[in-house]
Amino acid sequence: MKTRPIQLPEAIPGALPIPLTAAARQALAALSLTTLLSSLGTSIANVALPTLAASFHASFQQVQWVVLAYLLAITTLIVSVGRLGDLLGRRRLLIAGVALFTVASALCGLAGELWQLIAARALQGLGAAAMMSLAMAFAASAVPKERTGTAMGLLGTMSAVGTALGPTAGGGLIALAGWPAIFWISVPLGALAALLAYRFLPADAPAADAPRPKFDQLGTLLLALTLAAFSLAMTLGRGHFGWTNALLLLGAAACGGLFALAQKKSASPLIRMEMLRHPVLGAGFAASALVTTVVMATLVVGPFYLGGMLGLEAAQIGLVMSTGPLVAALSGVPAGRLVDSMGARRAGLAGLAGMAAGAAALPWMAASYGVPGYIAPLALITAGYALFQAANNTAVMADVEASQRGVVSGLLNLSRNLGLITGASAMGALYALGGMQAAFGVAAVLSLAAAGIIQRNAPSPRAECPLP
């Protein structure tokens, strides 16, 4: 199998930034809207759960599947969709994903039964999986290599904007027009995203004369079963780990072993396992999972601490919690530019140092200074995460072969999702056992561990290592 060198992007001192062409800016505009829509789909439904429980006369355990169905569809299928884009053409599959997301949004708004809404949300998640994985793959090829950080920072900003906008927009739409409105709003936006993608994204390259690799159906099934079992083990029980969770974890381990065996024997594997052993790619995936576990601590632990220890009302908690997405939205593009000027490795390490410092400082600053003492470290954690994410995405995606960008992008998004799912369970349990000091002490250690992984595995600016 042929290999080619990969060099971690580093800055050239004194170099002027390469301007983006009009075509690149138009492509990034189309990709930004698809990214915003997929993240909006994640956050906008959370605020509607009490309304949905009342409308469908259902329990919380039942309506939570409106959120879980979307997340599970993304998590279990994002790698497979990315690989399918590599084989069939990323542009056509991205447009198909946006179209599916748009149609599924309309079906959500039309749902008359809870099971219909859950099924439509699963379809919406499948469309979002294509949008997430292929948007990043497109962005890596739409701009010059030296501006990859800028492109990744922009997509990070749009993801943060969608996350921040979801609860506010959802609450307003429910008050004005009822819960179906939170899904209908995605229909015109999805139609616009599909139009922009069709108009501005470059056409897929014509198929080569050589036989096209086959899609790994067995690998796709086994990976989906592995990820679904793991995700359910981490989310069912609302923080209480029981026999169901243990059996699901055992099932995930068994399916994962079968998946690894199937990949070794497949002539056209879904994931080339040597990718996971590659120092830059493997380090990027591992660090991403650790860091998003840290981010989840702020999302899961924050509301309990703000309400229980600081005595804030629900509206005040929401206002304080909005600091994170707001900082991420404001710092995403500057972070991308900083990556282009500093280099991916140095920028990533700087971001992780900021996250570790913010996590270590948050418990005692919040205890000493109240809400301002909570907001300041939270802003540092979030800004550090924005810088790390732009740097890590740049390092992983910059030198990946065009034929593998979809699956690598899918793996990068998967690592984040797994970190969020694990963090939701683990950080909540740590807070219950040891309070803020335990949860954010572990968060600081995980940030430093991610920095160690990046530092140990990233090559020097002139070092070369083969990319599988």
Protein backbone atom coordinates (compact mmCIF):
# COMPACT_ATOMS: atom_id res chain seq x y z
CA MET A 1 0.00 0.00 0.00
CA LYS A 2 1.40 3.39 -0.93
CA THR A 3 2.16 5.90 1.77
CA ARG A 4 3.00 9.53 1.66
CA PRO A 5 4.48 11.89 4.24
CA ILE A 6 2.39 13.93 6.59
CA GLN A 7 3.70 17.10 8.15
CA LEU A 8 1.91 18.76 11.03
CA PRO A 9 1.03 22.31 9.97
CA GLU A 10 3.32 24.88 11.53
CA ALA A 11 3.60 28.58 10.97
CA ILE A 12 6.21 30.18 8.76
CA PRO A 13 7.46 33.26 10.62
CA GLY A 14 6.70 36.48 8.78
CA ALA A 15 4.58 34.77 6.15
CA LEU A 16 1.56 36.70 4.92
CA PRO A 17 -1.82 34.90 4.97
CA ILE A 18 -2.92 33.56 1.61
CA PRO A 19 -6.19 35.29 0.63
CA LEU A 20 -9.25 33.12 0.09
CA THR A 21 -10.74 33.10 -3.38
CA ALA A 22 -14.37 34.00 -4.01
CA ALA A 23 -15.11 30.32 -4.70
CA ALA A 24 -13.58 29.31 -1.36
CA ARG A 25 -15.60 31.94 0.53
CA GLN A 26 -18.82 30.81 -1.16
CA ALA A 27 -18.10 27.16 -0.35
CA LEU A 28 -17.41 28.05 3.28
CA ALA A 29 -20.70 29.96 3.44
CA ALA A 30 -22.58 26.86 2.30
CA LEU A 31 -20.69 24.64 4.74
CA SER A 32 -21.24 27.09 7.60
CA LEU A 33 -25.02 26.92 7.21
CA THR A 34 -25.03 23.11 7.17
CA THR A 35 -22.89 23.08 10.32
CA LEU A 36 -25.17 25.56 12.07
CA LEU A 37 -28.26 23.51 11.19
CA SER A 38 -26.86 20.23 12.50
CA SER A 39 -25.83 21.78 15.84
CA LEU A 40 -29.14 23.65 16.07
CA GLY A 41 -30.91 20.31 15.69
CA THR A 42 -29.05 19.03 18.75
CA SER A 43 -29.82 21.90 21.12
CA ILE A 44 -33.22 23.21 20.04
CA ALA A 45 -35.17 20.11 21.13
CA ASN A 46 -33.88 20.03 24.71
CA VAL A 47 -35.94 23.03 25.77
CA ALA A 48 -39.10 21.42 24.38
CA LEU A 49 -39.01 18.24 26.49
CA PRO A 50 -41.42 19.47 29.21
CA THR A 51 -43.84 20.72 26.53
CA LEU A 52 -43.62 17.44 24.62
CA ALA A 53 -44.24 15.44 27.81
CA ALA A 54 -47.43 17.42 28.40
CA SER A 55 -48.56 17.33 24.76
CA PHE A 56 -48.11 13.57 24.34
CA HIS A 57 -49.03 12.68 27.95
CA ALA A 58 -45.66 10.93 28.27
CA SER A 59 -43.00 10.56 30.96
CA PHE A 60 -39.59 12.17 30.84
CA GLN A 61 -38.01 8.77 30.12
CA GLN A 62 -40.19 8.53 27.03
CA VAL A 63 -39.74 12.06 25.65
CA GLN A 64 -35.99 12.03 26.21
CA TRP A 65 -35.82 9.72 23.18
CA VAL A 66 -36.65 12.77 21.06
CA VAL A 67 -33.13 13.94 21.92
CA LEU A 68 -31.48 10.52 22.17
CA ALA A 69 -32.75 9.31 18.77
CA TYR A 70 -31.04 12.27 17.07
CA LEU A 71 -27.76 11.83 18.96
CA LEU A 72 -27.69 8.06 18.53
CA ALA A 73 -28.27 8.30 14.78
CA ILE A 74 -25.38 10.75 14.45
CA THR A 75 -23.03 8.79 16.69
CA THR A 76 -23.66 5.36 15.17
CA LEU A 77 -23.61 6.41 11.52
CA ILE A 78 -21.26 9.39 11.17
CA VAL A 79 -18.19 7.32 10.27
CA SER A 80 -20.11 5.15 7.79
CA VAL A 81 -21.64 8.20 6.10
CA GLY A 82 -18.22 9.82 5.84
CA ARG A 83 -16.80 6.71 4.18
CA LEU A 84 -19.78 6.51 1.84
CA GLY A 85 -19.07 10.10 0.81
CA ASP A 86 -15.50 9.14 -0.04
CA LEU A 87 -16.78 6.35 -2.29
CA LEU A 88 -19.85 7.91 -3.93
CA GLY A 89 -18.96 11.60 -3.95
CA ARG A 90 -19.05 14.04 -1.04
CA ARG A 91 -21.04 16.77 -2.78
CA ARG A 92 -23.97 14.61 -3.80
CA LEU A 93 -24.09 12.85 -0.42
CA LEU A 94 -23.90 16.15 1.48
CA ILE A 95 -26.79 17.55 -0.56
CA ALA A 96 -28.72 14.32 0.02
CA GLY A 97 -28.02 14.65 3.75
CA VAL A 98 -29.31 18.22 3.84
CA ALA A 99 -32.40 17.16 1.88
CA LEU A 100 -33.06 14.28 4.30
CA PHE A 101 -32.57 16.60 7.28
CA THR A 102 -35.05 19.08 5.78
CA VAL A 103 -37.71 16.48 4.98
CA ALA A 104 -37.28 14.88 8.40
CA SER A 105 -37.70 18.30 10.03
CA ALA A 106 -41.07 18.64 8.30
CA LEU A 107 -42.04 15.13 9.43
CA CYS A 108 -41.16 16.12 13.01
CA GLY A 109 -43.48 19.11 12.77
CA LEU A 110 -46.28 16.92 11.39
CA ALA A 111 -45.91 14.12 13.96
CA GLY A 112 -49.16 13.28 15.72
CA GLU A 113 -47.74 10.52 17.95
CA LEU A 114 -44.60 10.44 20.04
CA TRP A 115 -43.20 7.40 18.19
CA GLN A 116 -43.61 9.25 14.90
CA LEU A 117 -41.64 12.20 16.28
CA ILE A 118 -38.87 9.91 17.57
CA ALA A 119 -38.63 8.11 14.21
CA ALA A 120 -38.47 11.42 12.35
CA ARG A 121 -35.75 12.64 14.71
CA ALA A 122 -33.71 9.53 13.92
CA LEU A 123 -34.00 10.35 10.20
CA GLN A 124 -33.03 13.93 10.97
CA GLY A 125 -29.97 12.60 12.80
CA LEU A 126 -28.96 10.53 9.77
CA GLY A 127 -29.07 13.67 7.63
CA ALA A 128 -27.10 15.56 10.27
CA ALA A 129 -24.43 12.84 10.31
CA ALA A 130 -23.78 13.47 6.62
CA MET A 131 -23.78 17.23 7.18
CA MET A 132 -21.28 17.07 10.05
CA SER A 133 -18.77 14.63 8.60
CA LEU A 134 -18.79 15.90 5.01
CA ALA A 135 -18.78 19.61 5.87
CA MET A 136 -15.42 19.27 7.60
CA ALA A 137 -14.06 17.10 4.80
CA PHE A 138 -15.11 19.72 2.23
CA ALA A 139 -13.65 22.58 4.27
CA ALA A 140 -10.24 20.91 4.32
CA SER A 141 -10.18 20.84 0.52
CA ALA A 142 -11.89 24.19 -0.13
CA VAL A 143 -9.06 26.40 1.17
CA PRO A 144 -5.27 26.45 0.81
CA LYS A 145 -3.47 24.27 3.34
CA GLU A 146 -2.09 27.38 5.06
CA ARG A 147 -5.66 28.60 5.76
CA THR A 148 -7.05 25.30 7.07
CA GLY A 149 -7.12 26.70 10.60
CA THR A 150 -9.30 29.60 9.50
CA ALA A 151 -11.79 27.24 7.86
CA MET A 152 -11.93 24.96 10.90
CA GLY A 153 -12.32 27.93 13.22
CA LEU A 154 -15.25 29.20 11.16
CA LEU A 155 -17.02 25.83 11.32
CA GLY A 156 -16.37 25.73 15.06
CA THR A 157 -17.94 29.15 15.40
CA MET A 158 -21.05 28.11 13.48
CA SER A 159 -21.38 24.98 15.59
CA ALA A 160 -21.20 27.09 18.76
CA VAL A 161 -23.71 29.59 17.37
CA GLY A 162 -26.16 26.78 16.62
CA THR A 163 -25.71 25.34 20.11
CA ALA A 164 -26.18 28.74 21.76
CA LEU A 165 -29.11 29.73 19.57
CA GLY A 166 -31.06 26.51 20.11
CA PRO A 167 -32.46 27.04 23.64
CA THR A 168 -33.30 30.71 23.08
CA ALA A 169 -34.87 30.20 19.65
CA GLY A 170 -36.65 27.06 20.82
CA GLY A 171 -38.21 28.77 23.81
CA GLY A 172 -39.40 31.71 21.73
CA LEU A 173 -40.84 29.53 18.96
CA ILE A 174 -42.70 27.33 21.43
CA ALA A 175 -44.22 30.40 23.09
CA LEU A 176 -45.30 31.84 19.73
CA ALA A 177 -46.46 28.81 17.76
CA GLY A 178 -46.13 25.64 19.84
CA TRP A 179 -43.55 22.85 19.76
CA PRO A 180 -43.88 21.97 16.02
CA ALA A 181 -42.37 25.37 15.20
CA ILE A 182 -38.94 24.33 16.52
CA PHE A 183 -38.80 21.77 13.70
CA TRP A 184 -40.53 23.78 10.97
CA ILE A 185 -37.91 26.51 11.31
CA SER A 186 -35.32 24.10 9.86
CA VAL A 187 -37.32 23.53 6.67
CA PRO A 188 -36.62 26.88 4.92
CA LEU A 189 -33.09 26.96 6.36
CA GLY A 190 -32.46 23.43 5.10
CA ALA A 191 -33.78 24.32 1.65
CA LEU A 192 -31.41 27.31 1.56
CA ALA A 193 -28.49 25.15 2.69
CA ALA A 194 -29.21 22.61 -0.06
CA LEU A 195 -29.40 25.39 -2.65
CA LEU A 196 -26.09 26.92 -1.51
CA ALA A 197 -24.40 23.51 -1.49
CA TYR A 198 -25.67 22.75 -5.00
CA ARG A 199 -24.60 26.18 -6.25
CA PHE A 200 -21.21 26.66 -4.62
CA LEU A 201 -19.65 23.33 -3.69
CA PRO A 202 -17.35 21.90 -6.37
CA ALA A 203 -18.67 18.94 -8.32
CA ASP A 204 -17.45 15.47 -7.41
CA ALA A 205 -14.53 14.24 -9.48
CA PRO A 206 -15.51 11.75 -12.19
CA ALA A 207 -15.09 8.11 -11.24
CA ALA A 208 -11.76 6.60 -12.15
CA ASP A 209 -11.50 3.69 -14.56
CA ALA A 210 -10.26 1.45 -11.75
CA PRO A 211 -12.91 -0.58 -9.93
CA ARG A 212 -14.52 1.41 -7.12
CA PRO A 213 -13.91 -0.07 -3.63
CA LYS A 214 -16.93 -1.79 -2.15
CA PHE A 215 -18.74 -0.35 0.83
CA ASP A 216 -18.07 -2.39 3.96
CA GLN A 217 -21.61 -3.39 4.98
CA LEU A 218 -20.58 -5.85 7.68
CA GLY A 219 -18.18 -3.35 9.22
CA THR A 220 -20.87 -0.67 9.13
CA LEU A 221 -23.34 -2.94 10.96
CA LEU A 222 -20.84 -4.00 13.62
CA LEU A 223 -19.63 -0.45 14.24
CA ALA A 224 -23.20 0.82 14.49
CA LEU A 225 -24.04 -1.91 17.03
CA THR A 226 -20.89 -1.13 19.02
CA LEU A 227 -21.57 2.58 19.19
CA ALA A 228 -25.29 2.20 19.86
CA ALA A 229 -24.66 -0.20 22.75
CA PHE A 230 -21.97 2.05 24.26
CA SER A 231 -24.09 5.20 23.88
CA LEU A 232 -27.11 3.56 25.48
CA ALA A 233 -24.96 2.23 28.34
CA MET A 234 -23.79 5.78 29.05
CA THR A 235 -27.19 7.46 28.77
CA LEU A 236 -29.79 5.05 30.15
CA GLY A 237 -30.62 5.15 33.85
CA ARG A 238 -30.11 8.93 34.23
CA GLY A 239 -26.85 8.49 36.14
CA HIS A 240 -27.69 5.17 37.85
CA PHE A 241 -25.47 2.34 36.58
CA GLY A 242 -27.28 -1.02 36.69
CA TRP A 243 -27.31 -4.43 35.08
CA THR A 244 -28.76 -3.06 31.85
CA ASN A 245 -25.85 -0.66 31.52
CA ALA A 246 -23.33 -3.41 32.29
CA LEU A 247 -24.82 -5.75 29.71
CA LEU A 248 -24.81 -2.99 27.11
CA LEU A 249 -21.13 -2.32 27.79
CA LEU A 250 -20.35 -6.02 27.42
CA GLY A 251 -22.28 -6.03 24.15
CA ALA A 252 -20.35 -2.98 22.97
CA ALA A 253 -17.03 -4.69 23.80
CA ALA A 254 -18.05 -7.88 21.98
CA CYS A 255 -19.25 -6.03 18.87
CA GLY A 256 -16.14 -3.86 18.95
CA GLY A 257 -13.92 -6.95 18.94
CA LEU A 258 -15.85 -8.44 16.04
CA PHE A 259 -15.59 -5.11 14.19
CA ALA A 260 -11.79 -5.00 14.58
CA LEU A 261 -11.54 -8.59 13.34
CA ALA A 262 -13.80 -7.84 10.36
CA GLN A 263 -11.70 -4.80 9.41
CA LYS A 264 -8.52 -6.89 9.32
CA LYS A 265 -10.12 -9.40 6.96
CA SER A 266 -12.01 -6.96 4.73
CA ALA A 267 -10.59 -6.13 1.30
CA SER A 268 -12.20 -2.67 1.52
CA PRO A 269 -12.53 -1.90 5.25
CA LEU A 270 -14.72 0.85 6.62
CA ILE A 271 -11.80 2.05 8.74
CA ARG A 272 -8.22 1.24 7.89
CA MET A 273 -7.03 0.28 11.36
CA GLU A 274 -3.55 1.63 10.71
CA MET A 275 -5.14 5.10 10.81
CA LEU A 276 -5.74 4.67 14.53
CA ARG A 277 -2.04 3.80 15.03
CA HIS A 278 -0.84 6.81 13.05
CA PRO A 279 0.68 9.25 15.58
CA VAL A 280 -1.04 12.43 14.38
CA LEU A 281 -4.43 10.90 13.64
CA GLY A 282 -4.53 8.63 16.69
CA ALA A 283 -3.42 11.45 18.99
CA GLY A 284 -5.99 13.78 17.49
CA PHE A 285 -8.85 11.33 18.00
CA ALA A 286 -7.81 10.47 21.57
CA ALA A 287 -7.25 14.08 22.61
CA SER A 288 -10.58 15.11 21.12
CA ALA A 289 -12.44 12.49 23.17
CA LEU A 290 -10.69 13.57 26.39
CA VAL A 291 -11.27 17.27 25.81
CA THR A 292 -14.97 16.97 25.03
CA THR A 293 -15.35 14.96 28.24
CA VAL A 294 -14.02 18.08 29.99
CA VAL A 295 -16.45 20.32 28.11
CA MET A 296 -19.32 18.10 29.22
CA ALA A 297 -18.41 18.82 32.86
CA THR A 298 -19.38 22.46 32.35
CA LEU A 299 -22.69 21.46 30.74
CA VAL A 300 -23.71 18.73 33.21
CA VAL A 301 -22.27 19.95 36.51
CA GLY A 302 -22.87 23.66 35.94
CA PRO A 303 -26.68 23.77 36.32
CA PHE A 304 -26.60 21.73 39.55
CA TYR A 305 -23.90 23.89 41.11
CA LEU A 306 -25.40 27.19 40.02
CA GLY A 307 -28.84 26.26 41.31
CA GLY A 308 -27.90 24.27 44.40
CA MET A 309 -24.81 26.06 45.74
CA LEU A 310 -25.19 29.58 44.33
CA GLY A 311 -29.00 29.66 44.60
CA LEU A 312 -29.73 30.96 41.09
CA GLU A 313 -33.16 30.76 39.47
CA ALA A 314 -33.69 28.89 36.19
CA ALA A 315 -33.51 32.04 34.06
CA GLN A 316 -30.31 33.13 35.80
CA ILE A 317 -28.76 29.68 35.32
CA GLY A 318 -29.56 29.83 31.63
CA LEU A 319 -27.95 33.26 31.36
CA VAL A 320 -24.76 32.13 33.07
CA MET A 321 -24.64 28.89 31.05
CA SER A 322 -24.92 30.88 27.82
CA THR A 323 -21.45 32.30 28.54
CA GLY A 324 -19.82 29.15 27.18
CA PRO A 325 -21.46 29.06 23.73
CA LEU A 326 -21.14 32.84 23.44
CA VAL A 327 -17.40 32.75 24.09
CA ALA A 328 -17.04 29.82 21.67
CA ALA A 329 -18.94 31.71 18.99
CA LEU A 330 -16.80 34.82 19.42
CA SER A 331 -13.47 33.02 19.67
CA GLY A 332 -13.86 30.42 16.90
CA VAL A 333 -12.69 32.52 13.94
CA PRO A 334 -9.86 34.26 15.87
CA ALA A 335 -8.76 30.84 17.10
CA GLY A 336 -8.58 29.58 13.52
CA ARG A 337 -6.44 32.54 12.49
CA LEU A 338 -4.21 31.96 15.51
CA VAL A 339 -3.72 28.35 14.39
CA ASP A 340 -2.65 29.57 10.95
CA SER A 341 -0.13 31.97 12.49
CA MET A 342 1.19 29.84 15.40
CA GLY A 343 0.98 26.40 13.90
CA ALA A 344 -1.40 23.62 14.91
CA ARG A 345 0.72 21.95 17.58
CA ARG A 346 1.62 25.08 19.53
CA ALA A 347 -1.91 26.48 19.28
CA GLY A 348 -3.41 23.17 20.42
CA LEU A 349 -1.10 22.97 23.43
CA ALA A 350 -1.90 26.59 24.33
CA GLY A 351 -5.62 25.84 24.19
CA LEU A 352 -5.23 22.78 26.41
CA ALA A 353 -3.15 24.76 28.92
CA GLY A 354 -5.96 27.32 29.10
CA MET A 355 -8.53 24.57 29.64
CA ALA A 356 -6.48 22.96 32.41
CA ALA A 357 -5.97 26.30 34.17
CA GLY A 358 -9.66 27.19 33.91
CA ALA A 359 -10.79 23.79 35.21
CA ALA A 360 -8.37 23.90 38.14
CA ALA A 361 -9.39 27.46 39.08
CA LEU A 362 -13.16 27.12 38.69
CA PRO A 363 -14.07 25.38 42.00
CA TRP A 364 -12.24 27.78 44.32
CA MET A 365 -13.00 30.91 42.28
CA ALA A 366 -16.72 30.08 42.21
CA ALA A 367 -16.69 29.37 45.95
CA SER A 368 -14.83 32.63 46.65
CA TYR A 369 -16.42 35.06 44.21
CA GLY A 370 -19.79 33.54 43.29
CA VAL A 371 -21.15 34.01 39.79
CA PRO A 372 -18.27 36.20 38.48
CA GLY A 373 -15.86 33.61 39.86
CA TYR A 374 -17.71 30.92 37.90
CA ILE A 375 -17.97 32.85 34.63
CA ALA A 376 -14.29 33.83 34.33
CA PRO A 377 -12.85 30.27 34.43
CA LEU A 378 -15.73 29.03 32.26
CA ALA A 379 -14.80 31.60 29.62
CA LEU A 380 -11.15 30.48 29.81
CA ILE A 381 -12.14 26.81 29.42
CA THR A 382 -14.36 27.61 26.44
CA ALA A 383 -11.83 29.84 24.68
CA GLY A 384 -9.17 27.17 25.22
CA TYR A 385 -11.48 24.56 23.76
CA ALA A 386 -12.16 26.70 20.68
CA LEU A 387 -8.41 27.07 20.12
CA PHE A 388 -7.75 23.36 20.67
CA GLN A 389 -10.58 22.31 18.38
CA ALA A 390 -9.43 24.52 15.51
CA ALA A 391 -5.84 23.31 15.96
CA ASN A 392 -6.74 19.63 16.29
CA ASN A 393 -9.07 19.66 13.29
CA THR A 394 -6.35 21.36 11.27
CA ALA A 395 -3.67 18.88 12.33
CA VAL A 396 -5.85 15.87 11.56
CA MET A 397 -7.41 17.05 8.30
CA ALA A 398 -4.64 19.05 6.65
CA ASP A 399 -2.69 16.21 5.02
CA VAL A 400 -5.26 13.43 4.77
CA GLU A 401 -5.60 11.96 1.30
CA ALA A 402 -8.68 13.20 -0.55
CA SER A 403 -10.03 9.64 -0.76
CA GLN A 404 -10.04 9.35 3.05
CA ARG A 405 -11.23 12.79 4.17
CA GLY A 406 -14.82 11.74 4.69
CA VAL A 407 -14.06 8.80 6.97
CA VAL A 408 -11.36 10.72 8.89
CA SER A 409 -13.77 13.61 9.41
CA GLY A 410 -16.36 11.10 10.59
CA LEU A 411 -13.88 9.61 13.07
CA LEU A 412 -13.01 13.07 14.38
CA ASN A 413 -16.68 13.91 14.92
CA LEU A 414 -17.24 10.47 16.45
CA SER A 415 -14.45 11.01 18.98
CA ARG A 416 -16.13 14.23 20.08
CA ASN A 417 -19.54 12.60 20.39
CA LEU A 418 -18.13 9.73 22.42
CA GLY A 419 -16.40 12.21 24.71
CA LEU A 420 -19.65 14.10 25.23
CA ILE A 421 -21.63 10.92 25.89
CA THR A 422 -19.02 9.57 28.32
CA GLY A 423 -18.61 12.93 30.03
CA ALA A 424 -22.34 13.28 30.62
CA SER A 425 -22.29 10.10 32.69
CA ALA A 426 -18.81 10.21 34.26
CA MET A 427 -18.71 13.88 35.23
CA GLY A 428 -22.19 13.75 36.72
CA ALA A 429 -21.14 10.77 38.83
CA LEU A 430 -17.94 12.52 39.95
CA TYR A 431 -19.89 15.60 41.00
CA ALA A 432 -22.33 13.45 42.99
CA LEU A 433 -19.44 11.69 44.76
CA GLY A 434 -16.96 14.48 45.37
CA GLY A 435 -18.47 17.82 44.38
CA MET A 436 -16.94 20.48 42.17
CA GLN A 437 -13.38 19.74 43.30
CA ALA A 438 -13.59 16.14 42.12
CA ALA A 439 -15.31 16.87 38.81
CA PHE A 440 -13.13 19.77 37.73
CA GLY A 441 -9.97 18.31 39.27
CA VAL A 442 -10.40 15.34 36.94
CA ALA A 443 -11.24 17.75 34.12
CA ALA A 444 -7.91 19.55 34.63
CA VAL A 445 -6.04 16.21 34.64
CA LEU A 446 -7.77 15.12 31.42
CA SER A 447 -6.78 18.41 29.74
CA LEU A 448 -3.15 17.87 30.72
CA ALA A 449 -3.35 14.25 29.57
CA ALA A 450 -4.60 15.43 26.17
CA ALA A 451 -1.68 17.88 26.01
CA GLY A 452 0.73 15.05 26.79
CA ILE A 453 -0.74 12.92 24.01
CA ILE A 454 -0.42 15.74 21.49
CA GLN A 455 3.13 16.62 22.57
CA ARG A 456 4.31 13.02 22.56
CA ASN A 457 2.82 12.01 19.20
CA ALA A 458 3.00 15.15 17.09
CA PRO A 459 6.07 15.28 14.82
CA SER A 460 8.31 18.30 14.77
CA PRO A 461 7.73 20.87 11.99
CA ARG A 462 10.21 19.13 9.70
CA ALA A 463 9.51 15.56 10.76
CA GLU A 464 7.75 13.21 8.44
CA CYS A 465 5.76 10.10 9.21
CA PRO A 466 3.78 7.97 6.77
CA LEU A 467 0.06 8.49 6.46
CA PRO A 468 -1.77 5.23 5.73
